[in-house]
Protein backbone atom coordinates (compact mmCIF):
# COMPACT_ATOMS: atom_id res chain seq x y z
CA MET A 1 212.70 118.89 162.79
CA HIS A 2 215.87 116.89 163.60
CA THR A 3 216.77 113.70 162.16
CA ARG A 4 216.43 110.52 164.61
CA ARG A 5 219.70 108.90 165.54
CA PHE A 6 219.62 105.28 166.71
CA SER A 7 222.99 103.66 168.00
CA ILE A 8 223.13 100.01 167.43
CA SER A 9 224.08 98.30 170.45
CA ASN A 10 225.16 94.90 169.06
CA LEU A 11 227.07 95.38 165.91
CA GLN A 12 227.86 91.59 165.39
CA SER A 13 224.24 90.71 165.36
CA PRO A 14 221.96 93.72 164.98
CA THR A 15 218.91 91.91 163.24
CA SER A 16 216.96 91.94 166.48
CA ASP A 17 217.74 95.61 167.37
CA PRO A 18 214.57 97.55 167.54
CA ALA A 19 216.26 100.33 165.71
CA ILE A 20 216.53 98.14 162.58
CA HIS A 21 212.88 97.36 162.54
CA GLU A 22 212.27 101.13 162.93
CA ALA A 23 214.45 101.99 159.96
CA ALA A 24 212.94 99.15 157.92
CA THR A 25 209.75 100.64 158.56
CA VAL A 26 210.72 103.99 157.24
CA ILE A 27 212.29 102.41 154.22
CA CYS A 28 209.13 100.59 153.24
CA SER A 29 207.01 103.85 153.88
CA GLY A 30 209.17 105.82 151.25
CA GLY A 31 211.38 107.47 153.78
CA LEU A 32 215.18 107.98 153.93
CA VAL A 33 217.50 106.04 156.29
CA ALA A 34 221.34 106.68 156.66
CA PHE A 35 223.25 103.64 157.59
CA PRO A 36 226.78 102.40 157.83
CA THR A 37 228.54 100.21 155.27
CA GLU A 38 232.10 98.93 155.27
CA THR A 39 233.13 101.93 152.84
CA VAL A 40 231.10 105.03 153.92
CA TYR A 41 227.67 105.77 155.30
CA GLY A 42 224.84 105.47 152.62
CA LEU A 43 221.59 107.40 152.35
CA GLY A 44 219.00 104.62 151.49
CA ALA A 45 215.63 104.50 150.17
CA ASN A 46 213.41 101.68 148.61
CA ALA A 47 215.10 101.08 145.18
CA LEU A 48 211.80 100.02 143.61
CA ASP A 49 209.99 103.29 144.63
CA PRO A 50 210.53 106.13 142.29
CA ARG A 51 209.15 108.85 144.80
CA ALA A 52 211.44 107.50 147.58
CA VAL A 53 214.50 107.60 145.27
CA ALA A 54 213.46 111.14 144.18
CA ARG A 55 213.73 112.17 147.81
CA ILE A 56 217.41 110.96 147.84
CA TYR A 57 218.19 113.30 145.12
CA GLU A 58 216.20 116.18 146.96
CA ALA A 59 217.85 115.62 150.32
CA LYS A 60 221.35 115.55 148.88
CA GLN A 61 220.70 118.30 146.22
CA ARG A 62 222.27 115.74 144.07
CA ALA A 63 222.63 116.22 140.45
CA LEU A 64 219.91 114.03 138.46
CA ASN A 65 222.39 112.78 136.06
CA ASP A 66 224.38 110.85 138.89
CA PRO A 67 223.12 107.45 139.13
CA LEU A 68 222.69 105.59 142.50
CA ILE A 69 224.11 102.16 143.49
CA VAL A 70 221.55 99.68 144.67
CA HIS A 71 222.34 97.58 147.71
CA VAL A 72 221.24 93.99 148.12
CA ALA A 73 221.79 91.42 150.72
CA ASP A 74 222.39 88.27 148.46
CA ILE A 75 222.39 87.09 145.03
CA GLY A 76 218.76 86.92 144.84
CA GLY A 77 218.56 90.66 145.21
CA VAL A 78 220.74 90.99 142.27
CA ARG A 79 218.18 89.12 140.19
CA GLN A 80 215.53 91.49 141.49
CA VAL A 81 217.40 94.54 139.90
CA ALA A 82 219.31 93.34 137.13
CA ASP A 83 218.30 91.64 133.91
CA GLU A 84 220.77 88.81 133.55
CA ARG A 85 219.14 87.70 130.34
CA ARG A 86 220.88 90.63 128.53
CA LEU A 87 224.25 89.33 129.68
CA THR A 88 226.41 87.21 127.42
CA GLN A 89 227.82 83.89 128.62
CA GLN A 90 231.03 85.61 129.36
CA GLN A 91 229.59 88.44 131.27
CA ARG A 92 227.65 86.07 133.28
CA GLY A 93 230.73 83.93 134.02
CA HIS A 94 232.60 87.25 135.12
CA LEU A 95 229.54 88.17 137.43
CA ASP A 96 229.63 84.76 139.08
CA LYS A 97 233.29 84.81 139.59
CA LEU A 98 233.41 88.26 140.93
CA ALA A 99 230.32 87.75 143.25
CA ARG A 100 232.10 84.62 144.85
CA ALA A 101 235.36 86.44 145.25
CA PHE A 102 234.33 89.92 146.52
CA TRP A 103 230.67 89.81 147.79
CA PRO A 104 229.80 90.83 150.34
CA GLY A 105 232.28 93.71 149.86
CA PRO A 106 233.38 97.04 148.36
CA LEU A 107 232.77 96.02 144.69
CA THR A 108 229.85 97.58 142.51
CA LEU A 109 228.92 96.00 139.49
CA VAL A 110 227.21 97.79 136.42
CA LEU A 111 224.67 95.29 134.92
CA PRO A 112 221.58 95.70 132.55
CA ARG A 113 218.70 97.14 134.50
CA SER A 114 215.68 95.31 135.26
CA PRO A 115 212.41 96.98 134.28
CA ARG A 116 211.45 96.63 138.00
CA VAL A 117 214.03 99.33 138.74
CA PRO A 118 212.69 102.96 138.17
CA PRO A 119 214.76 104.92 135.64
CA ASN A 120 215.68 107.70 138.16
CA VAL A 121 217.84 105.12 140.09
CA SER A 122 220.17 104.89 137.15
CA ALA A 123 219.74 108.65 135.66
CA GLY A 124 217.87 107.18 132.88
CA LEU A 125 220.41 104.66 131.70
CA ASN A 126 219.44 101.17 130.95
CA THR A 127 222.05 99.69 133.31
CA VAL A 128 221.98 99.63 137.15
CA ALA A 129 224.97 99.67 139.74
CA VAL A 130 224.49 96.90 142.22
CA ARG A 131 226.59 95.91 145.30
CA MET A 132 226.34 93.66 148.39
CA PRO A 133 227.61 95.52 151.40
CA ASP A 134 229.75 93.87 154.02
CA HIS A 135 228.54 95.37 157.00
CA PRO A 136 226.01 93.69 159.53
CA VAL A 137 223.92 96.66 159.82
CA ALA A 138 223.42 97.31 156.20
CA GLN A 139 222.62 93.62 155.61
CA ALA A 140 220.23 93.62 158.44
CA LEU A 141 218.42 96.74 157.18
CA ILE A 142 218.12 95.39 153.42
CA ARG A 143 216.78 92.03 154.80
CA SER A 144 214.48 93.65 157.36
CA SER A 145 213.10 95.95 154.73
CA GLY A 146 212.52 93.24 152.15
CA VAL A 147 213.58 95.54 149.35
CA PRO A 148 216.77 96.50 147.58
CA ILE A 149 217.99 99.90 148.88
CA ALA A 150 219.34 102.57 146.67
CA ALA A 151 222.09 104.41 148.50
CA PRO A 152 224.61 107.15 147.53
CA SER A 153 226.83 108.55 150.10
CA ALA A 154 224.82 110.26 152.87
CA ASN A 155 226.06 113.82 152.45
CA HIS A 156 225.61 117.03 150.67
CA PHE A 157 226.39 116.26 146.93
CA GLY A 158 230.02 116.90 146.15
CA HIS A 159 231.15 117.18 149.76
CA VAL A 160 233.38 115.00 151.64
CA SER A 161 231.88 111.55 152.08
CA PRO A 162 230.68 110.59 155.66
CA THR A 163 232.42 107.94 157.61
CA THR A 164 230.57 108.38 160.95
CA ALA A 165 227.00 109.08 161.87
CA GLN A 166 227.95 112.65 163.06
CA HIS A 167 229.30 113.43 159.62
CA VAL A 168 225.83 112.43 158.23
CA LEU A 169 223.99 114.72 160.62
CA ASP A 170 226.52 117.57 160.02
CA ASP A 171 225.32 117.49 156.41
CA LEU A 172 221.76 116.27 156.30
CA ASP A 173 220.22 116.88 159.79
CA GLY A 174 216.63 117.62 159.33
CA ARG A 175 216.62 116.63 155.61
CA ILE A 176 216.31 112.85 156.19
CA ASP A 177 214.31 110.69 158.57
CA LEU A 178 216.71 108.54 160.57
CA VAL A 179 220.27 107.46 160.80
CA LEU A 180 221.64 104.32 162.19
CA ASP A 181 224.89 104.78 164.15
CA GLY A 182 227.12 101.86 163.77
CA GLY A 183 230.46 103.64 164.48
CA PRO A 184 233.24 104.68 162.13
CA THR A 185 233.50 102.83 158.76
CA ARG A 186 236.16 100.14 158.15
CA ILE A 187 237.37 100.98 154.79
CA GLY A 188 236.68 104.77 154.39
CA VAL A 189 236.61 105.20 150.65
CA GLU A 190 233.85 104.23 148.30
CA SER A 191 233.42 100.86 146.42
CA THR A 192 235.16 100.12 143.12
CA VAL A 193 232.75 100.35 140.25
CA LEU A 194 233.38 97.80 137.46
CA ASP A 195 231.26 97.85 134.37
CA LEU A 196 230.25 94.35 133.07
CA SER A 197 227.49 95.64 130.74
CA ASN A 198 229.92 95.94 127.73
CA ASN A 199 232.03 93.20 126.09
CA SER A 200 235.17 94.18 128.02
CA PRO A 201 234.99 94.79 131.90
CA ARG A 202 236.26 98.28 132.66
CA ILE A 203 236.84 100.06 135.94
CA LEU A 204 234.64 103.19 136.16
CA ARG A 205 235.82 104.29 139.63
CA PRO A 206 238.70 102.75 141.74
CA GLY A 207 237.86 101.94 145.21
CA GLY A 208 237.96 99.26 148.05
CA VAL A 209 238.79 96.33 145.74
CA THR A 210 242.00 96.93 144.04
CA ARG A 211 242.53 96.76 140.25
CA GLU A 212 245.18 93.93 140.79
CA ALA A 213 242.66 91.96 142.87
CA LEU A 214 239.96 92.22 140.10
CA ALA A 215 242.65 91.19 137.52
CA GLY A 216 243.40 88.12 139.52
CA VAL A 217 239.80 87.08 139.13
CA ILE A 218 238.96 88.17 135.73
CA GLY A 219 242.16 86.60 134.30
CA HIS A 220 243.41 89.64 132.53
CA SER A 221 244.55 93.25 133.36
CA LEU A 222 242.11 96.06 133.64
CA LEU A 223 242.26 99.73 133.02
CA VAL A 224 240.43 102.51 134.81
CA ASP A 225 238.24 104.14 132.07
CA GLN A 226 239.05 107.83 132.13
CA GLY A 227 236.22 108.81 129.74
CA GLN A 228 235.20 112.28 128.97
CA PRO A 229 235.40 114.80 131.60
CA ILE A 230 231.89 115.32 133.08
CA THR A 231 231.19 118.99 134.08
CA ASN A 232 227.56 119.46 133.61
CA ASN A 233 224.23 118.15 134.83
CA GLN A 234 222.88 116.96 131.41
CA GLN A 235 224.89 113.99 130.47
CA ALA A 236 224.09 110.85 132.25
CA MET A 237 227.17 109.51 134.06
CA PRO A 238 227.89 105.77 133.95
CA SER A 239 228.89 105.57 137.53
CA PRO A 240 228.90 107.78 140.69
CA GLY A 241 231.77 109.81 141.59
CA LEU A 242 232.93 110.96 138.20
CA LEU A 243 232.67 114.77 138.49
CA ASP A 244 235.90 116.51 137.86
CA LYS A 245 235.44 118.15 141.35
CA HIS A 246 233.89 115.95 144.10
CA TYR A 247 234.46 114.64 147.68
CA ALA A 248 235.65 118.21 148.29
CA PRO A 249 236.18 120.07 151.75
CA ARG A 250 235.28 123.76 152.11
CA ALA A 251 239.07 124.53 152.39
CA THR A 252 241.32 124.59 149.38
CA LEU A 253 243.16 121.10 149.19
CA ILE A 254 246.71 121.13 147.70
CA ILE A 255 248.30 117.81 147.04
CA CYS A 256 252.15 118.17 147.33
CA ARG A 257 254.79 116.08 145.58
CA ASP A 258 256.64 115.03 148.67
CA LEU A 259 257.40 116.35 152.34
CA ASP A 260 259.88 119.05 151.13
CA ASP A 261 257.19 120.52 148.72
CA LEU A 262 254.76 120.48 151.66
CA LEU A 263 257.07 122.38 153.76
CA ASN A 264 257.79 124.91 151.17
CA ARG A 265 254.21 125.46 150.49
CA GLN A 266 253.51 125.77 154.18
CA SER A 267 256.06 128.65 154.49
CA ALA A 268 254.64 130.47 151.58
CA ILE A 269 251.10 130.08 152.76
CA ALA A 270 252.09 131.29 156.17
CA ASN A 271 253.56 134.49 154.65
CA ARG A 272 250.10 135.06 153.00
CA LYS A 273 248.51 134.96 156.47
CA LEU A 274 246.13 132.22 155.35
CA LYS A 275 245.14 129.59 158.06
CA MET A 276 246.61 126.11 157.15
CA GLY A 277 246.28 122.68 158.25
CA ALA A 278 247.87 119.45 157.10
CA LEU A 279 246.94 115.81 156.66
CA LEU A 280 249.95 113.89 157.59
CA ARG A 281 251.34 110.40 157.55
CA GLU A 282 252.61 109.08 161.02
CA SER A 283 256.14 109.09 159.49
CA GLN A 284 255.89 112.87 158.70
CA ARG A 285 254.54 113.97 162.16
CA GLU A 286 258.12 114.78 163.61
CA MET A 287 259.21 116.92 160.76
CA CYS A 288 255.79 118.80 160.76
CA SER A 289 255.39 119.19 164.57
CA HIS A 290 255.30 123.04 163.90
CA ILE A 291 252.13 122.77 161.75
CA HIS A 292 248.78 123.31 163.59
CA PRO A 293 246.20 122.08 163.08
CA GLN A 294 247.24 118.73 161.85
CA PHE A 295 245.50 115.21 161.41
CA VAL A 296 247.52 112.15 161.32
CA LEU A 297 246.21 109.57 159.14
CA GLY A 298 248.45 106.62 159.63
CA ASP A 299 251.21 105.24 157.31
CA THR A 300 249.63 102.32 155.39
CA MET A 301 247.27 102.81 152.44
CA THR A 302 244.67 101.04 154.55
CA ASP A 303 244.93 103.46 157.46
CA ILE A 304 245.14 106.68 154.90
CA ALA A 305 241.91 105.29 153.29
CA ARG A 306 240.08 104.71 156.58
CA ASN A 307 240.90 108.10 158.07
CA LEU A 308 240.99 110.49 154.85
CA TYR A 309 237.53 111.95 154.89
CA ALA A 310 237.45 112.32 158.69
CA GLY A 311 240.67 114.29 158.39
CA LEU A 312 239.29 116.47 155.75
CA ARG A 313 236.16 117.22 157.83
CA ALA A 314 238.17 117.70 161.02
CA LEU A 315 240.41 120.27 159.33
CA ASP A 316 237.44 122.07 157.72
CA SER A 317 235.81 122.26 161.16
CA ALA A 318 239.15 123.77 162.53
CA GLY A 319 238.31 126.68 160.07
CA VAL A 320 241.41 126.32 157.82
CA ASP A 321 241.70 127.99 154.38
CA VAL A 322 244.07 125.55 153.01
CA ILE A 323 244.85 121.98 153.49
CA LEU A 324 248.14 120.50 152.58
CA MET A 325 248.77 116.57 152.09
CA THR A 326 251.60 114.78 150.16
CA ASP A 327 250.64 112.49 147.29
CA VAL A 328 250.18 108.75 147.50
CA PRO A 329 251.44 105.97 145.02
CA ARG A 330 248.81 105.06 142.49
CA GLU A 331 248.98 101.35 143.09
CA GLY A 332 246.73 99.05 145.14
CA LEU A 333 244.27 100.94 147.36
CA GLY A 334 246.47 104.02 146.64
CA GLU A 335 244.77 104.36 143.33
CA ALA A 336 241.38 104.88 144.77
CA ILE A 337 242.89 107.40 147.38
CA ALA A 338 244.73 109.28 144.61
CA ASP A 339 241.48 109.37 142.62
CA ARG A 340 239.52 111.08 145.65
CA LEU A 341 242.38 113.49 146.29
CA GLY A 342 242.51 114.61 142.69
CA ARG A 343 238.82 115.19 142.60
CA ALA A 344 238.83 116.91 146.11
CA ALA A 345 241.56 119.19 145.07
CA ALA A 346 240.15 120.18 141.72
CA LYS A 347 239.62 123.83 141.11
């Protein structure tokens, strides 16, 4: 049985679209709906229904120790899923400031979990990851469903995240009930995950909101918590996306120091008779015109983030054995891109 696909005709005001009503009915009956957010496509289920949540893990073949992010439409939804009574006054102040500055948007906050939220949403942890997506289709689906929606990325676990409805179907056709097609996503890498459940806020995963922007609101600098490498299915992870190898294409991804390094590696790989492709910046296109297939990401960090996953999937579809790409500066949005590239290239 194939997954049903509905295109949203009016992306600016999708609430009245019959597809939204159909998708909300699926959510309320315990089914799975893939939908666009501003970051990547999510695979949604009723976050208050443990059986529906279990279906997410089954469909994605996701490790049970990897928590899900709960998507809400407004601050009232946060109070449904998080126990704000367990926050200190300082933590509550951080929550209020961050919500005003970045919601709706690509920021996930880790908060104390409400007893209403089943433990399998959070891999058994007493915290819950919450965000308010900045996409009209996601907002319409949450509001029409009337429940918070648990949603990791809508792909096979560990694979390249989906930024189009077709990417979702390439991975999950027949494993989920419905996909809402809202076109390509705007940001292209996942949300930043910021843990507010401890005394000092800490970034667990860099993403669409930069470290610098967060520091400007919090009032002090923040570090990305490197933590301990997580390589097994036993230890509960504090955030999604922390496995050493993640976001990975089928082909071997090699991150090169610079363009000279890329060209040297390209020659060596060609001598080994391997099929190679390259993810390029616009400024590298002329020097690499002899490399085929290639996928041009753009030049700005915003362009590279938006196109990265589509590029990885396109080169995989072209049947390459190796993908080459030059490194990006680890500042601003580049920090999130570098994180994804490092995990995608891990052995």
